[in-house]
Every structure is written in C-alpha cells, then in structure tokens.
C-alpha cells in the first residue's frame, strides 16, 4: 500500500469511531429526556395513581 492509502484508511477509521461516540451521546440525551418525562408524569399523577390502587385494594 502506498502512504496516502494508509493515511486515508486511518482517517476513515477515526471518522467511524467519532461517529459511534456521537451516536452514543445522542442516545444518552434521548434516554435522559425520556427519564425526565417519566419522572414528571409520576410526580404529577402519583397521588391519583396511589388513590386508584388504594380504592382497588379496599374493594377486596
């Protein structure tokens, strides 16, 4: 292989690794956003959910 081919292959490998890291960061941000939405939902509806389960248990 010539020198420029080796450098080109190295550049392609570095780009692939950088894109994988970027994708993982994006997935992490999406997961964090979903977690915030779930926590907010539980916080806002927690009392209603607790009341519903208590009513169901009291029927038995």
PDB file of N, CA and C in Angstrom:
ATOM      1  N   UNK A   1       0.845  -1.183   0.000  1.00  0.00           N
ATOM      2  CA  UNK A   1       0.000   0.000   0.000  1.00  0.00           C
ATOM      3  C   UNK A   1       0.883   1.237   0.000  1.00  0.00           C
ATOM      4  N   UNK A   2       0.360   2.238  -0.617  1.00  0.00           N
ATOM      5  CA  UNK A   2       1.110   3.492  -0.629  1.00  0.00           C
ATOM      6  C   UNK A   2       0.790   4.277   0.633  1.00  0.00           C
ATOM      7  N   UNK A   3       1.617   5.273   0.874  1.00  0.00           N
ATOM      8  CA  UNK A   3       1.493   6.075   2.092  1.00  0.00           C
ATOM      9  C   UNK A   3       0.143   6.788   2.150  1.00  0.00           C
ATOM     10  N   UNK A   4      -0.330   7.332   1.029  1.00  0.00           N
ATOM     11  CA  UNK A   4      -1.598   8.068   1.047  1.00  0.00           C
ATOM     12  C   UNK A   4      -2.773   7.136   1.300  1.00  0.00           C
ATOM     13  N   UNK A   5      -2.669   5.868   0.866  1.00  0.00           N
ATOM     14  CA  UNK A   5      -3.748   4.912   1.121  1.00  0.00           C
ATOM     15  C   UNK A   5      -3.823   4.576   2.605  1.00  0.00           C
ATOM     16  N   UNK A   6      -2.679   4.433   3.212  1.00  0.00           N
ATOM     17  CA  UNK A   6      -2.638   4.136   4.651  1.00  0.00           C
ATOM     18  C   UNK A   6      -3.225   5.302   5.438  1.00  0.00           C
ATOM     19  N   UNK A   7      -2.859   6.535   5.056  1.00  0.00           N
ATOM     20  CA  UNK A   7      -3.411   7.709   5.748  1.00  0.00           C
ATOM     21  C   UNK A   7      -4.917   7.818   5.535  1.00  0.00           C
ATOM     22  N   UNK A   8      -5.388   7.514   4.330  1.00  0.00           N
ATOM     23  CA  UNK A   8      -6.827   7.583   4.040  1.00  0.00           C
ATOM     24  C   UNK A   8      -7.586   6.550   4.864  1.00  0.00           C
ATOM     25  N   UNK A   9      -7.048   5.348   4.967  1.00  0.00           N
ATOM     26  CA  UNK A   9      -7.710   4.310   5.767  1.00  0.00           C
ATOM     27  C   UNK A   9      -7.743   4.706   7.236  1.00  0.00           C
ATOM     28  N   UNK A  10      -6.664   5.297   7.730  1.00  0.00           N
ATOM     29  CA  UNK A  10      -6.633   5.759   9.115  1.00  0.00           C
ATOM     30  C   UNK A  10      -7.665   6.838   9.369  1.00  0.00           C
ATOM     31  N   UNK A  11      -7.815   7.748   8.412  1.00  0.00           N
ATOM     32  CA  UNK A  11      -8.808   8.818   8.558  1.00  0.00           C
ATOM     33  C   UNK A  11     -10.216   8.245   8.578  1.00  0.00           C
ATOM     34  N   UNK A  12     -10.478   7.253   7.744  1.00  0.00           N
ATOM     35  CA  UNK A  12     -11.812   6.634   7.724  1.00  0.00           C
ATOM     36  C   UNK A  12     -12.093   5.926   9.035  1.00  0.00           C
ATOM     37  N   UNK A  13     -11.101   5.261   9.604  1.00  0.00           N
ATOM     38  CA  UNK A  13     -11.302   4.575  10.883  1.00  0.00           C
ATOM     39  C   UNK A  13     -11.569   5.569  11.996  1.00  0.00           C
ATOM     40  N   UNK A  14     -10.835   6.673  12.010  1.00  0.00           N
ATOM     41  CA  UNK A  14     -11.069   7.697  13.047  1.00  0.00           C
ATOM     42  C   UNK A  14     -12.467   8.289  12.921  1.00  0.00           C
ATOM     43  N   UNK A  15     -12.913   8.525  11.711  1.00  0.00           N
ATOM     44  CA  UNK A  15     -14.250   9.080  11.487  1.00  0.00           C
ATOM     45  C   UNK A  15     -15.312   8.124  11.994  1.00  0.00           C
ATOM     46  N   UNK A  16     -15.146   6.830  11.733  1.00  0.00           N
ATOM     47  CA  UNK A  16     -16.124   5.838  12.190  1.00  0.00           C
ATOM     48  C   UNK A  16     -16.205   5.830  13.715  1.00  0.00           C
ATOM     49  N   UNK A  17     -15.067   5.896  14.382  1.00  0.00           N
ATOM     50  CA  UNK A  17     -15.053   5.883  15.850  1.00  0.00           C
ATOM     51  C   UNK A  17     -15.713   7.145  16.390  1.00  0.00           C
ATOM     52  N   UNK A  18     -15.415   8.301  15.787  1.00  0.00           N
ATOM     53  CA  UNK A  18     -16.011   9.555  16.253  1.00  0.00           C
ATOM     54  C   UNK A  18     -17.526   9.539  16.066  1.00  0.00           C
ATOM     55  N   UNK A  19     -18.019   8.974  14.963  1.00  0.00           N
ATOM     56  CA  UNK A  19     -19.455   8.923  14.725  1.00  0.00           C
ATOM     57  C   UNK A  19     -20.142   7.989  15.702  1.00  0.00           C
ATOM     58  N   UNK A  20     -19.479   6.892  16.072  1.00  0.00           N
ATOM     59  CA  UNK A  20     -20.062   5.984  17.072  1.00  0.00           C
ATOM     60  C   UNK A  20     -20.204   6.693  18.401  1.00  0.00           C
ATOM     61  N   UNK A  21     -19.199   7.464  18.788  1.00  0.00           N
ATOM     62  CA  UNK A  21     -19.269   8.220  20.033  1.00  0.00           C
ATOM     63  C   UNK A  21     -20.373   9.254  20.003  1.00  0.00           C
ATOM     64  N   UNK A  22     -20.530   9.905  18.857  1.00  0.00           N
ATOM     65  CA  UNK A  22     -21.583  10.903  18.711  1.00  0.00           C
ATOM     66  C   UNK A  22     -22.952  10.249  18.814  1.00  0.00           C
ATOM     67  N   UNK A  23     -23.124   9.084  18.195  1.00  0.00           N
ATOM     68  CA  UNK A  23     -24.400   8.375  18.251  1.00  0.00           C
ATOM     69  C   UNK A  23     -24.722   7.974  19.685  1.00  0.00           C
ATOM     70  N   UNK A  24     -23.730   7.485  20.409  1.00  0.00           N
ATOM     71  CA  UNK A  24     -23.958   7.101  21.801  1.00  0.00           C
ATOM     72  C   UNK A  24     -24.365   8.310  22.643  1.00  0.00           C
ATOM     73  N   UNK A  25     -23.748   9.448  22.386  1.00  0.00           N
ATOM     74  CA  UNK A  25     -24.117  10.659  23.124  1.00  0.00           C
ATOM     75  C   UNK A  25     -25.559  11.057  22.811  1.00  0.00           C
ATOM     76  N   UNK A  26     -25.945  10.932  21.548  1.00  0.00           N
ATOM     77  CA  UNK A  26     -27.323  11.269  21.182  1.00  0.00           C
ATOM     78  C   UNK A  26     -28.312  10.331  21.851  1.00  0.00           C
ATOM     79  N   UNK A  27     -28.003   9.039  21.880  1.00  0.00           N
ATOM     80  CA  UNK A  27     -28.873   8.088  22.568  1.00  0.00           C
ATOM     81  C   UNK A  27     -28.958   8.409  24.056  1.00  0.00           C
ATOM     82  N   UNK A  28     -27.857   8.819  24.639  1.00  0.00           N
ATOM     83  CA  UNK A  28     -27.852   9.188  26.049  1.00  0.00           C
ATOM     84  C   UNK A  28     -28.753  10.387  26.326  1.00  0.00           C
ATOM     85  N   UNK A  29     -28.718  11.375  25.435  1.00  0.00           N
ATOM     86  CA  UNK A  29     -29.592  12.545  25.604  1.00  0.00           C
ATOM     87  C   UNK A  29     -31.063  12.170  25.447  1.00  0.00           C
ATOM     88  N   UNK A  30     -31.359  11.307  24.491  1.00  0.00           N
ATOM     89  CA  UNK A  30     -32.738  10.858  24.307  1.00  0.00           C
ATOM     90  C   UNK A  30     -33.213  10.108  25.547  1.00  0.00           C
ATOM     91  N   UNK A  31     -32.378   9.220  26.073  1.00  0.00           N
ATOM     92  CA  UNK A  31     -32.727   8.461  27.267  1.00  0.00           C
ATOM     93  C   UNK A  31     -32.942   9.383  28.465  1.00  0.00           C
ATOM     94  N   UNK A  32     -32.099  10.394  28.602  1.00  0.00           N
ATOM     95  CA  UNK A  32     -32.261  11.348  29.702  1.00  0.00           C
ATOM     96  C   UNK A  32     -33.574  12.118  29.556  1.00  0.00           C
ATOM     97  N   UNK A  33     -33.933  12.495  28.332  1.00  0.00           N
ATOM     98  CA  UNK A  33     -35.198  13.188  28.105  1.00  0.00           C
ATOM     99  C   UNK A  33     -36.394  12.328  28.461  1.00  0.00           C
ATOM    100  N   UNK A  34     -36.336  11.057  28.085  1.00  0.00           N
ATOM    101  CA  UNK A  34     -37.428  10.135  28.418  1.00  0.00           C
ATOM    102  C   UNK A  34     -37.530   9.970  29.929  1.00  0.00           C
ATOM    103  N   UNK A  35     -36.388   9.873  30.597  1.00  0.00           N
ATOM    104  CA  UNK A  35     -36.396   9.721  32.054  1.00  0.00           C
ATOM    105  C   UNK A  35     -37.032  10.933  32.729  1.00  0.00           C
ATOM    106  N   UNK A  36     -36.746  12.121  32.228  1.00  0.00           N
ATOM    107  CA  UNK A  36     -37.332  13.344  32.808  1.00  0.00           C
ATOM    108  C   UNK A  36     -38.849  13.336  32.622  1.00  0.00           C
ATOM    109  N   UNK A  37     -39.310  12.935  31.444  1.00  0.00           N
ATOM    110  CA  UNK A  37     -40.752  12.882  31.186  1.00  0.00           C
ATOM    111  C   UNK A  37     -41.427  11.874  32.109  1.00  0.00           C
ATOM    112  N   UNK A  38     -40.817  10.713  32.283  1.00  0.00           N
ATOM    113  CA  UNK A  38     -41.395   9.684  33.167  1.00  0.00           C
ATOM    114  C   UNK A  38     -41.443  10.189  34.609  1.00  0.00           C
ATOM    115  N   UNK A  39     -40.366  10.813  35.066  1.00  0.00           N
ATOM    116  CA  UNK A  39     -40.351  11.323  36.443  1.00  0.00           C
ATOM    117  C   UNK A  39     -41.403  12.407  36.640  1.00  0.00           C
ATOM    118  N   UNK A  40     -41.555  13.295  35.667  1.00  0.00           N
ATOM    119  CA  UNK A  40     -42.564  14.348  35.773  1.00  0.00           C
ATOM    120  C   UNK A  40     -43.973  13.755  35.800  1.00  0.00           C
ATOM    121  N   UNK A  41     -44.208  12.731  34.978  1.00  0.00           N
ATOM    122  CA  UNK A  41     -45.515  12.082  34.948  1.00  0.00           C
ATOM    123  C   UNK A  41     -45.828  11.422  36.284  1.00  0.00           C
ATOM    124  N   UNK A  42     -44.858  10.721  36.836  1.00  0.00           N
ATOM    125  CA  UNK A  42     -45.068  10.061  38.133  1.00  0.00           C
ATOM    126  C   UNK A  42     -45.297  11.105  39.222  1.00  0.00           C
ATOM    127  N   UNK A  43     -44.558  12.192  39.164  1.00  0.00           N
ATOM    128  CA  UNK A  43     -44.730  13.249  40.162  1.00  0.00           C
ATOM    129  C   UNK A  43     -46.126  13.860  40.076  1.00  0.00           C
ATOM    130  N   UNK A  44     -46.571  14.140  38.845  1.00  0.00           N
ATOM    131  CA  UNK A  44     -47.873  14.793  38.672  1.00  0.00           C
ATOM    132  C   UNK A  44     -49.048  13.854  38.917  1.00  0.00           C
ATOM    133  N   UNK A  45     -48.910  12.600  38.539  1.00  0.00           N
ATOM    134  CA  UNK A  45     -50.031  11.656  38.647  1.00  0.00           C
ATOM    135  C   UNK A  45     -49.879  10.676  39.810  1.00  0.00           C
ATOM    136  N   UNK A  46     -48.827  10.812  40.586  1.00  0.00           N
ATOM    137  CA  UNK A  46     -48.552   9.869  41.672  1.00  0.00           C
ATOM    138  C   UNK A  46     -49.688   9.757  42.668  1.00  0.00           C
ATOM    139  N   UNK A  47     -50.257  10.875  43.070  1.00  0.00           N
ATOM    140  CA  UNK A  47     -51.360  10.850  44.037  1.00  0.00           C
ATOM    141  C   UNK A  47     -52.593  10.164  43.473  1.00  0.00           C
ATOM    142  N   UNK A  48     -52.918  10.447  42.228  1.00  0.00           N
ATOM    143  CA  UNK A  48     -54.084   9.828  41.598  1.00  0.00           C
ATOM    144  C   UNK A  48     -53.887   8.325  41.429  1.00  0.00           C
ATOM    145  N   UNK A  49     -52.682   7.934  41.068  1.00  0.00           N
ATOM    146  CA  UNK A  49     -52.395   6.503  40.911  1.00  0.00           C
ATOM    147  C   UNK A  49     -52.483   5.800  42.261  1.00  0.00           C
ATOM    148  N   UNK A  50     -51.951   6.424  43.293  1.00  0.00           N
ATOM    149  CA  UNK A  50     -51.999   5.848  44.632  1.00  0.00           C
ATOM    150  C   UNK A  50     -53.450   5.698  45.089  1.00  0.00           C
ATOM    151  N   UNK A  51     -54.266   6.705  44.853  1.00  0.00           N
ATOM    152  CA  UNK A  51     -55.678   6.648  45.236  1.00  0.00           C
ATOM    153  C   UNK A  51     -56.407   5.529  44.489  1.00  0.00           C
ATOM    154  N   UNK A  52     -56.123   5.403  43.214  1.00  0.00           N
ATOM    155  CA  UNK A  52     -56.770   4.358  42.414  1.00  0.00           C
ATOM    156  C   UNK A  52     -56.411   2.979  42.945  1.00  0.00           C
ATOM    157  N   UNK A  53     -55.124   2.743  43.207  1.00  0.00           N
ATOM    158  CA  UNK A  53     -54.720   1.436  43.734  1.00  0.00           C
ATOM    159  C   UNK A  53     -55.301   1.187  45.116  1.00  0.00           C
ATOM    160  N   UNK A  54     -55.369   2.212  45.941  1.00  0.00           N
ATOM    161  CA  UNK A  54     -55.954   2.060  47.271  1.00  0.00           C
ATOM    162  C   UNK A  54     -57.427   1.708  47.169  1.00  0.00           C
ATOM    163  N   UNK A  55     -58.156   2.363  46.263  1.00  0.00           N
ATOM    164  CA  UNK A  55     -59.581   2.048  46.057  1.00  0.00           C
ATOM    165  C   UNK A  55     -59.765   0.611  45.587  1.00  0.00           C
ATOM    166  N   UNK A  56     -58.906   0.159  44.711  1.00  0.00           N
ATOM    167  CA  UNK A  56     -58.996  -1.217  44.202  1.00  0.00           C
ATOM    168  C   UNK A  56     -58.733  -2.207  45.337  1.00  0.00           C
ATOM    169  N   UNK A  57     -57.707  -1.949  46.140  1.00  0.00           N
ATOM    170  CA  UNK A  57     -57.400  -2.856  47.247  1.00  0.00           C
ATOM    171  C   UNK A  57     -58.500  -2.866  48.307  1.00  0.00           C
ATOM    172  N   UNK A  58     -59.144  -1.743  48.519  1.00  0.00           N
ATOM    173  CA  UNK A  58     -60.204  -1.671  49.520  1.00  0.00           C
ATOM    174  C   UNK A  58     -61.475  -2.417  49.107  1.00  0.00           C
ATOM    175  N   UNK A  59     -61.600  -2.726  47.823  1.00  0.00           N
ATOM    176  CA  UNK A  59     -62.763  -3.461  47.355  1.00  0.00           C
ATOM    177  C   UNK A  59     -62.694  -4.954  47.725  1.00  0.00           C
ATOM    178  N   UNK A  60     -61.514  -5.420  48.087  1.00  0.00           N
ATOM    179  CA  UNK A  60     -61.353  -6.856  48.403  1.00  0.00           C
ATOM    180  C   UNK A  60     -61.449  -7.110  49.849  1.00  0.00           C
TER     181      UNK A  60
END
